[in-house]
Amino acid sequence: MSIGEVKKKEIQEKFRLHEKDTGSTPLQIAVLTERISNLSAHLAQHKKDQGSKRGLLQLVARRRKLLDYLRREDKEKYKKIIKDLGLRR
């Protein structure tokens, strides 16, 4: 499930690094987290939707890779985004 334009703008306002930021690592992680939560809610109702389950696993893997990259490159940003999004690490 995708996220709405309004919700995406809210996430961009909160996590962007500068005025024209649309793709920094923290921003990508925040958008993926929102998509993952939406897809998880969908799968709670539709347990047999295997296509969505596969998509969810792909999103989780992509977020994991971005988090690993951020942890290697900038520990402070990594700790901040984990705290802000409430992720378990």
PDB file of N, CA and C in Angstrom:
ATOM      1  N   MET A   1       0.843  -1.163   0.000  1.00  0.00           N
ATOM      2  CA  MET A   1       0.000   0.000   0.000  1.00  0.00           C
ATOM      3  C   MET A   1       0.897   1.236   0.000  1.00  0.00           C
ATOM      4  N   SER A   2       0.525   2.167  -0.798  1.00  0.00           N
ATOM      5  CA  SER A   2       1.320   3.391  -0.864  1.00  0.00           C
ATOM      6  C   SER A   2       0.810   4.394   0.168  1.00  0.00           C
ATOM      7  N   ILE A   3       1.578   5.440   0.346  1.00  0.00           N
ATOM      8  CA  ILE A   3       1.156   6.478   1.278  1.00  0.00           C
ATOM      9  C   ILE A   3       0.648   7.659   0.469  1.00  0.00           C
ATOM     10  N   GLY A   4      -0.246   8.428   1.062  1.00  0.00           N
ATOM     11  CA  GLY A   4      -0.822   9.561   0.369  1.00  0.00           C
ATOM     12  C   GLY A   4       0.167  10.701   0.223  1.00  0.00           C
ATOM     13  N   GLU A   5      -0.134  11.586  -0.697  1.00  0.00           N
ATOM     14  CA  GLU A   5       0.727  12.733  -0.966  1.00  0.00           C
ATOM     15  C   GLU A   5       0.869  13.629   0.258  1.00  0.00           C
ATOM     16  N   VAL A   6      -0.231  13.824   0.987  1.00  0.00           N
ATOM     17  CA  VAL A   6      -0.202  14.684   2.170  1.00  0.00           C
ATOM     18  C   VAL A   6       0.697  14.080   3.247  1.00  0.00           C
ATOM     19  N   LYS A   7       0.551  12.782   3.489  1.00  0.00           N
ATOM     20  CA  LYS A   7       1.359  12.108   4.500  1.00  0.00           C
ATOM     21  C   LYS A   7       2.839  12.147   4.121  1.00  0.00           C
ATOM     22  N   LYS A   8       3.134  11.972   2.834  1.00  0.00           N
ATOM     23  CA  LYS A   8       4.511  12.008   2.381  1.00  0.00           C
ATOM     24  C   LYS A   8       5.118  13.391   2.594  1.00  0.00           C
ATOM     25  N   LYS A   9       4.342  14.443   2.337  1.00  0.00           N
ATOM     26  CA  LYS A   9       4.816  15.815   2.562  1.00  0.00           C
ATOM     27  C   LYS A   9       5.112  16.044   4.046  1.00  0.00           C
ATOM     28  N   GLU A  10       4.257  15.518   4.926  1.00  0.00           N
ATOM     29  CA  GLU A  10       4.488  15.650   6.370  1.00  0.00           C
ATOM     30  C   GLU A  10       5.800  14.977   6.775  1.00  0.00           C
ATOM     31  N   ILE A  11       6.035  13.801   6.238  1.00  0.00           N
ATOM     32  CA  ILE A  11       7.269  13.076   6.554  1.00  0.00           C
ATOM     33  C   ILE A  11       8.472  13.852   6.028  1.00  0.00           C
ATOM     34  N   GLN A  12       8.354  14.398   4.814  1.00  0.00           N
ATOM     35  CA  GLN A  12       9.456  15.179   4.252  1.00  0.00           C
ATOM     36  C   GLN A  12       9.753  16.405   5.108  1.00  0.00           C
ATOM     37  N   GLU A  13       8.727  17.072   5.586  1.00  0.00           N
ATOM     38  CA  GLU A  13       8.934  18.250   6.436  1.00  0.00           C
ATOM     39  C   GLU A  13       9.682  17.882   7.708  1.00  0.00           C
ATOM     40  N   LYS A  14       9.388  16.737   8.264  1.00  0.00           N
ATOM     41  CA  LYS A  14       9.988  16.346   9.537  1.00  0.00           C
ATOM     42  C   LYS A  14      11.424  15.838   9.390  1.00  0.00           C
ATOM     43  N   PHE A  15      11.719  15.090   8.331  1.00  0.00           N
ATOM     44  CA  PHE A  15      12.994  14.385   8.246  1.00  0.00           C
ATOM     45  C   PHE A  15      13.969  14.938   7.207  1.00  0.00           C
ATOM     46  N   ARG A  16      13.589  15.934   6.446  1.00  0.00           N
ATOM     47  CA  ARG A  16      14.526  16.417   5.433  1.00  0.00           C
ATOM     48  C   ARG A  16      15.687  17.171   6.068  1.00  0.00           C
ATOM     49  N   LEU A  17      16.822  17.133   5.374  1.00  0.00           N
ATOM     50  CA  LEU A  17      18.036  17.741   5.880  1.00  0.00           C
ATOM     51  C   LEU A  17      18.177  19.197   5.456  1.00  0.00           C
ATOM     52  N   HIS A  18      17.579  19.550   4.318  1.00  0.00           N
ATOM     53  CA  HIS A  18      17.606  20.932   3.832  1.00  0.00           C
ATOM     54  C   HIS A  18      16.360  21.184   3.003  1.00  0.00           C
ATOM     55  N   GLU A  19      16.203  22.388   2.513  1.00  0.00           N
ATOM     56  CA  GLU A  19      14.974  22.831   1.845  1.00  0.00           C
ATOM     57  C   GLU A  19      14.552  21.939   0.675  1.00  0.00           C
ATOM     58  N   LYS A  20      15.488  21.545  -0.158  1.00  0.00           N
ATOM     59  CA  LYS A  20      15.141  20.785  -1.369  1.00  0.00           C
ATOM     60  C   LYS A  20      15.432  19.293  -1.256  1.00  0.00           C
ATOM     61  N   ASP A  21      15.562  18.798  -0.045  1.00  0.00           N
ATOM     62  CA  ASP A  21      15.890  17.397   0.177  1.00  0.00           C
ATOM     63  C   ASP A  21      14.690  16.509  -0.136  1.00  0.00           C
ATOM     64  N   THR A  22      14.891  15.578  -1.064  1.00  0.00           N
ATOM     65  CA  THR A  22      13.822  14.623  -1.387  1.00  0.00           C
ATOM     66  C   THR A  22      14.301  13.186  -1.327  1.00  0.00           C
ATOM     67  N   GLY A  23      15.598  12.952  -1.064  1.00  0.00           N
ATOM     68  CA  GLY A  23      16.070  11.583  -1.134  1.00  0.00           C
ATOM     69  C   GLY A  23      17.211  11.235  -0.205  1.00  0.00           C
ATOM     70  N   SER A  24      17.405  11.992   0.858  1.00  0.00           N
ATOM     71  CA  SER A  24      18.478  11.643   1.785  1.00  0.00           C
ATOM     72  C   SER A  24      18.138  10.324   2.478  1.00  0.00           C
ATOM     73  N   THR A  25      19.140   9.692   3.032  1.00  0.00           N
ATOM     74  CA  THR A  25      18.954   8.390   3.664  1.00  0.00           C
ATOM     75  C   THR A  25      17.932   8.427   4.802  1.00  0.00           C
ATOM     76  N   PRO A  26      18.007   9.394   5.743  1.00  0.00           N
ATOM     77  CA  PRO A  26      16.981   9.425   6.800  1.00  0.00           C
ATOM     78  C   PRO A  26      15.567   9.608   6.254  1.00  0.00           C
ATOM     79  N   LEU A  27      15.438  10.394   5.216  1.00  0.00           N
ATOM     80  CA  LEU A  27      14.115  10.617   4.619  1.00  0.00           C
ATOM     81  C   LEU A  27      13.600   9.343   3.958  1.00  0.00           C
ATOM     82  N   GLN A  28      14.461   8.647   3.247  1.00  0.00           N
ATOM     83  CA  GLN A  28      14.055   7.384   2.624  1.00  0.00           C
ATOM     84  C   GLN A  28      13.620   6.365   3.666  1.00  0.00           C
ATOM     85  N   ILE A  29      14.366   6.308   4.781  1.00  0.00           N
ATOM     86  CA  ILE A  29      14.028   5.361   5.845  1.00  0.00           C
ATOM     87  C   ILE A  29      12.666   5.706   6.443  1.00  0.00           C
ATOM     88  N   ALA A  30      12.393   6.988   6.648  1.00  0.00           N
ATOM     89  CA  ALA A  30      11.117   7.407   7.226  1.00  0.00           C
ATOM     90  C   ALA A  30       9.947   7.072   6.299  1.00  0.00           C
ATOM     91  N   VAL A  31      10.111   7.301   5.008  1.00  0.00           N
ATOM     92  CA  VAL A  31       9.046   6.995   4.044  1.00  0.00           C
ATOM     93  C   VAL A  31       8.822   5.484   3.977  1.00  0.00           C
ATOM     94  N   LEU A  32       9.900   4.713   3.953  1.00  0.00           N
ATOM     95  CA  LEU A  32       9.765   3.252   3.936  1.00  0.00           C
ATOM     96  C   LEU A  32       9.067   2.746   5.190  1.00  0.00           C
ATOM     97  N   THR A  33       9.367   3.347   6.334  1.00  0.00           N
ATOM     98  CA  THR A  33       8.733   2.935   7.584  1.00  0.00           C
ATOM     99  C   THR A  33       7.226   3.157   7.524  1.00  0.00           C
ATOM    100  N   GLU A  34       6.806   4.274   6.962  1.00  0.00           N
ATOM    101  CA  GLU A  34       5.367   4.544   6.821  1.00  0.00           C
ATOM    102  C   GLU A  34       4.715   3.538   5.878  1.00  0.00           C
ATOM    103  N   ARG A  35       5.374   3.237   4.769  1.00  0.00           N
ATOM    104  CA  ARG A  35       4.834   2.248   3.831  1.00  0.00           C
ATOM    105  C   ARG A  35       4.754   0.873   4.471  1.00  0.00           C
ATOM    106  N   ILE A  36       5.760   0.511   5.260  1.00  0.00           N
ATOM    107  CA  ILE A  36       5.780  -0.787   5.936  1.00  0.00           C
ATOM    108  C   ILE A  36       4.632  -0.885   6.929  1.00  0.00           C
ATOM    109  N   SER A  37       4.389   0.178   7.676  1.00  0.00           N
ATOM    110  CA  SER A  37       3.289   0.132   8.648  1.00  0.00           C
ATOM    111  C   SER A  37       1.933   0.028   7.951  1.00  0.00           C
ATOM    112  N   ASN A  38       1.759   0.722   6.825  1.00  0.00           N
ATOM    113  CA  ASN A  38       0.507   0.622   6.070  1.00  0.00           C
ATOM    114  C   ASN A  38       0.309  -0.790   5.523  1.00  0.00           C
ATOM    115  N   LEU A  39       1.366  -1.369   4.991  1.00  0.00           N
ATOM    116  CA  LEU A  39       1.277  -2.708   4.418  1.00  0.00           C
ATOM    117  C   LEU A  39       1.048  -3.758   5.499  1.00  0.00           C
ATOM    118  N   SER A  40       1.631  -3.556   6.670  1.00  0.00           N
ATOM    119  CA  SER A  40       1.418  -4.484   7.788  1.00  0.00           C
ATOM    120  C   SER A  40      -0.045  -4.478   8.226  1.00  0.00           C
ATOM    121  N   ALA A  41      -0.636  -3.278   8.260  1.00  0.00           N
ATOM    122  CA  ALA A  41      -2.058  -3.180   8.617  1.00  0.00           C
ATOM    123  C   ALA A  41      -2.921  -3.888   7.573  1.00  0.00           C
ATOM    124  N   HIS A  42      -2.567  -3.746   6.300  1.00  0.00           N
ATOM    125  CA  HIS A  42      -3.307  -4.418   5.231  1.00  0.00           C
ATOM    126  C   HIS A  42      -3.215  -5.939   5.395  1.00  0.00           C
ATOM    127  N   LEU A  43      -2.017  -6.431   5.700  1.00  0.00           N
ATOM    128  CA  LEU A  43      -1.829  -7.878   5.826  1.00  0.00           C
ATOM    129  C   LEU A  43      -2.495  -8.447   7.079  1.00  0.00           C
ATOM    130  N   ALA A  44      -2.736  -7.616   8.074  1.00  0.00           N
ATOM    131  CA  ALA A  44      -3.448  -8.087   9.259  1.00  0.00           C
ATOM    132  C   ALA A  44      -4.886  -8.465   8.893  1.00  0.00           C
ATOM    133  N   GLN A  45      -5.465  -7.752   7.937  1.00  0.00           N
ATOM    134  CA  GLN A  45      -6.827  -8.046   7.494  1.00  0.00           C
ATOM    135  C   GLN A  45      -6.866  -9.101   6.397  1.00  0.00           C
ATOM    136  N   HIS A  46      -5.870  -9.092   5.524  1.00  0.00           N
ATOM    137  CA  HIS A  46      -5.850  -9.977   4.356  1.00  0.00           C
ATOM    138  C   HIS A  46      -4.657 -10.925   4.468  1.00  0.00           C
ATOM    139  N   LYS A  47      -4.811 -11.941   5.281  1.00  0.00           N
ATOM    140  CA  LYS A  47      -3.702 -12.829   5.614  1.00  0.00           C
ATOM    141  C   LYS A  47      -3.185 -13.648   4.429  1.00  0.00           C
ATOM    142  N   LYS A  48      -4.008 -13.888   3.441  1.00  0.00           N
ATOM    143  CA  LYS A  48      -3.602 -14.746   2.325  1.00  0.00           C
ATOM    144  C   LYS A  48      -3.064 -13.963   1.128  1.00  0.00           C
ATOM    145  N   ASP A  49      -2.839 -12.686   1.284  1.00  0.00           N
ATOM    146  CA  ASP A  49      -2.332 -11.850   0.201  1.00  0.00           C
ATOM    147  C   ASP A  49      -0.815 -12.021   0.105  1.00  0.00           C
ATOM    148  N   GLN A  50      -0.395 -13.026  -0.648  1.00  0.00           N
ATOM    149  CA  GLN A  50       1.022 -13.372  -0.724  1.00  0.00           C
ATOM    150  C   GLN A  50       1.833 -12.343  -1.500  1.00  0.00           C
ATOM    151  N   GLY A  51       1.230 -11.700  -2.483  1.00  0.00           N
ATOM    152  CA  GLY A  51       1.942 -10.669  -3.239  1.00  0.00           C
ATOM    153  C   GLY A  51       2.317  -9.488  -2.361  1.00  0.00           C
ATOM    154  N   SER A  52       1.394  -9.070  -1.527  1.00  0.00           N
ATOM    155  CA  SER A  52       1.682  -7.965  -0.613  1.00  0.00           C
ATOM    156  C   SER A  52       2.700  -8.378   0.444  1.00  0.00           C
ATOM    157  N   LYS A  53       2.645  -9.627   0.848  1.00  0.00           N
ATOM    158  CA  LYS A  53       3.613 -10.114   1.839  1.00  0.00           C
ATOM    159  C   LYS A  53       5.028 -10.067   1.267  1.00  0.00           C
ATOM    160  N   ARG A  54       5.162 -10.454   0.012  1.00  0.00           N
ATOM    161  CA  ARG A  54       6.465 -10.405  -0.645  1.00  0.00           C
ATOM    162  C   ARG A  54       6.944  -8.964  -0.756  1.00  0.00           C
ATOM    163  N   GLY A  55       6.037  -8.054  -1.121  1.00  0.00           N
ATOM    164  CA  GLY A  55       6.387  -6.639  -1.202  1.00  0.00           C
ATOM    165  C   GLY A  55       6.826  -6.088   0.142  1.00  0.00           C
ATOM    166  N   LEU A  56       6.144  -6.520   1.204  1.00  0.00           N
ATOM    167  CA  LEU A  56       6.508  -6.080   2.547  1.00  0.00           C
ATOM    168  C   LEU A  56       7.926  -6.534   2.895  1.00  0.00           C
ATOM    169  N   LEU A  57       8.242  -7.776   2.597  1.00  0.00           N
ATOM    170  CA  LEU A  57       9.585  -8.288   2.877  1.00  0.00           C
ATOM    171  C   LEU A  57      10.652  -7.519   2.090  1.00  0.00           C
ATOM    172  N   GLN A  58      10.335  -7.134   0.865  1.00  0.00           N
ATOM    173  CA  GLN A  58      11.275  -6.348   0.065  1.00  0.00           C
ATOM    174  C   GLN A  58      11.494  -4.962   0.679  1.00  0.00           C
ATOM    175  N   LEU A  59      10.407  -4.324   1.147  1.00  0.00           N
ATOM    176  CA  LEU A  59      10.529  -3.012   1.777  1.00  0.00           C
ATOM    177  C   LEU A  59      11.345  -3.089   3.057  1.00  0.00           C
ATOM    178  N   VAL A  60      11.121  -4.128   3.839  1.00  0.00           N
ATOM    179  CA  VAL A  60      11.869  -4.296   5.087  1.00  0.00           C
ATOM    180  C   VAL A  60      13.353  -4.487   4.782  1.00  0.00           C
ATOM    181  N   ALA A  61      13.661  -5.270   3.759  1.00  0.00           N
ATOM    182  CA  ALA A  61      15.055  -5.500   3.389  1.00  0.00           C
ATOM    183  C   ALA A  61      15.709  -4.202   2.910  1.00  0.00           C
ATOM    184  N   ARG A  62      14.983  -3.416   2.128  1.00  0.00           N
ATOM    185  CA  ARG A  62      15.528  -2.143   1.643  1.00  0.00           C
ATOM    186  C   ARG A  62      15.792  -1.190   2.809  1.00  0.00           C
ATOM    187  N   ARG A  63      14.849  -1.131   3.761  1.00  0.00           N
ATOM    188  CA  ARG A  63      15.035  -0.270   4.930  1.00  0.00           C
ATOM    189  C   ARG A  63      16.222  -0.751   5.757  1.00  0.00           C
ATOM    190  N   ARG A  64      16.366  -2.068   5.901  1.00  0.00           N
ATOM    191  CA  ARG A  64      17.484  -2.640   6.653  1.00  0.00           C
ATOM    192  C   ARG A  64      18.824  -2.220   6.043  1.00  0.00           C
ATOM    193  N   LYS A  65      18.924  -2.289   4.697  1.00  0.00           N
ATOM    194  CA  LYS A  65      20.153  -1.894   4.017  1.00  0.00           C
ATOM    195  C   LYS A  65      20.453  -0.416   4.231  1.00  0.00           C
ATOM    196  N   LEU A  66      19.429   0.416   4.153  1.00  0.00           N
ATOM    197  CA  LEU A  66      19.624   1.854   4.366  1.00  0.00           C
ATOM    198  C   LEU A  66      20.046   2.137   5.806  1.00  0.00           C
ATOM    199  N   LEU A  67      19.451   1.439   6.760  1.00  0.00           N
ATOM    200  CA  LEU A  67      19.833   1.623   8.158  1.00  0.00           C
ATOM    201  C   LEU A  67      21.278   1.181   8.407  1.00  0.00           C
ATOM    202  N   ASP A  68      21.674   0.075   7.796  1.00  0.00           N
ATOM    203  CA  ASP A  68      23.057  -0.385   7.935  1.00  0.00           C
ATOM    204  C   ASP A  68      24.028   0.642   7.350  1.00  0.00           C
ATOM    205  N   TYR A  69      23.687   1.189   6.192  1.00  0.00           N
ATOM    206  CA  TYR A  69      24.516   2.215   5.568  1.00  0.00           C
ATOM    207  C   TYR A  69      24.625   3.450   6.468  1.00  0.00           C
ATOM    208  N   LEU A  70      23.487   3.891   6.997  1.00  0.00           N
ATOM    209  CA  LEU A  70      23.488   5.077   7.850  1.00  0.00           C
ATOM    210  C   LEU A  70      24.294   4.832   9.117  1.00  0.00           C
ATOM    211  N   ARG A  71      24.212   3.639   9.673  1.00  0.00           N
ATOM    212  CA  ARG A  71      24.980   3.313  10.875  1.00  0.00           C
ATOM    213  C   ARG A  71      26.484   3.366  10.591  1.00  0.00           C
ATOM    214  N   ARG A  72      26.886   2.890   9.418  1.00  0.00           N
ATOM    215  CA  ARG A  72      28.308   2.935   9.053  1.00  0.00           C
ATOM    216  C   ARG A  72      28.785   4.369   8.832  1.00  0.00           C
ATOM    217  N   GLU A  73      27.962   5.187   8.178  1.00  0.00           N
ATOM    218  CA  GLU A  73      28.391   6.517   7.760  1.00  0.00           C
ATOM    219  C   GLU A  73      28.233   7.588   8.840  1.00  0.00           C
ATOM    220  N   ASP A  74      27.131   7.545   9.605  1.00  0.00           N
ATOM    221  CA  ASP A  74      26.862   8.619  10.569  1.00  0.00           C
ATOM    222  C   ASP A  74      26.061   8.055  11.745  1.00  0.00           C
ATOM    223  N   LYS A  75      26.772   7.689  12.791  1.00  0.00           N
ATOM    224  CA  LYS A  75      26.135   7.055  13.961  1.00  0.00           C
ATOM    225  C   LYS A  75      25.100   7.950  14.620  1.00  0.00           C
ATOM    226  N   GLU A  76      25.348   9.267  14.659  1.00  0.00           N
ATOM    227  CA  GLU A  76      24.419  10.183  15.328  1.00  0.00           C
ATOM    228  C   GLU A  76      23.077  10.253  14.598  1.00  0.00           C
ATOM    229  N   LYS A  77      23.125  10.362  13.275  1.00  0.00           N
ATOM    230  CA  LYS A  77      21.880  10.378  12.497  1.00  0.00           C
ATOM    231  C   LYS A  77      21.146   9.048  12.644  1.00  0.00           C
ATOM    232  N   TYR A  78      21.918   7.959  12.676  1.00  0.00           N
ATOM    233  CA  TYR A  78      21.334   6.632  12.845  1.00  0.00           C
ATOM    234  C   TYR A  78      20.585   6.534  14.165  1.00  0.00           C
ATOM    235  N   LYS A  79      21.215   6.940  15.249  1.00  0.00           N
ATOM    236  CA  LYS A  79      20.577   6.882  16.561  1.00  0.00           C
ATOM    237  C   LYS A  79      19.342   7.776  16.614  1.00  0.00           C
ATOM    238  N   LYS A  80      19.432   8.953  15.988  1.00  0.00           N
ATOM    239  CA  LYS A  80      18.306   9.887  16.000  1.00  0.00           C
ATOM    240  C   LYS A  80      17.104   9.322  15.248  1.00  0.00           C
ATOM    241  N   ILE A  81      17.346   8.740  14.072  1.00  0.00           N
ATOM    242  CA  ILE A  81      16.216   8.231  13.283  1.00  0.00           C
ATOM    243  C   ILE A  81      15.598   7.000  13.931  1.00  0.00           C
ATOM    244  N   ILE A  82      16.415   6.164  14.567  1.00  0.00           N
ATOM    245  CA  ILE A  82      15.885   5.000  15.282  1.00  0.00           C
ATOM    246  C   ILE A  82      14.957   5.472  16.404  1.00  0.00           C
ATOM    247  N   LYS A  83      15.401   6.491  17.126  1.00  0.00           N
ATOM    248  CA  LYS A  83      14.608   7.024  18.235  1.00  0.00           C
ATOM    249  C   LYS A  83      13.323   7.685  17.716  1.00  0.00           C
ATOM    250  N   ASP A  84      13.447   8.524  16.669  1.00  0.00           N
ATOM    251  CA  ASP A  84      12.291   9.249  16.134  1.00  0.00           C
ATOM    252  C   ASP A  84      11.223   8.317  15.568  1.00  0.00           C
ATOM    253  N   LEU A  85      11.652   7.252  14.909  1.00  0.00           N
ATOM    254  CA  LEU A  85      10.688   6.332  14.292  1.00  0.00           C
ATOM    255  C   LEU A  85      10.246   5.215  15.225  1.00  0.00           C
ATOM    256  N   GLY A  86      10.932   5.068  16.351  1.00  0.00           N
ATOM    257  CA  GLY A  86      10.559   4.034  17.293  1.00  0.00           C
ATOM    258  C   GLY A  86      10.871   2.635  16.815  1.00  0.00           C
ATOM    259  N   LEU A  87      11.978   2.486  16.105  1.00  0.00           N
ATOM    260  CA  LEU A  87      12.372   1.175  15.599  1.00  0.00           C
ATOM    261  C   LEU A  87      13.163   0.426  16.662  1.00  0.00           C
ATOM    262  N   ARG A  88      13.057  -0.889  16.638  1.00  0.00           N
ATOM    263  CA  ARG A  88      13.810  -1.719  17.580  1.00  0.00           C
ATOM    264  C   ARG A  88      15.197  -1.951  16.999  1.00  0.00           C
ATOM    265  N   ARG A  89      16.217  -1.655  17.748  1.00  0.00           N
ATOM    266  CA  ARG A  89      17.596  -1.900  17.316  1.00  0.00           C
ATOM    267  C   ARG A  89      18.442  -2.106  18.525  1.00  0.00           C
TER     268      ARG A  89
END
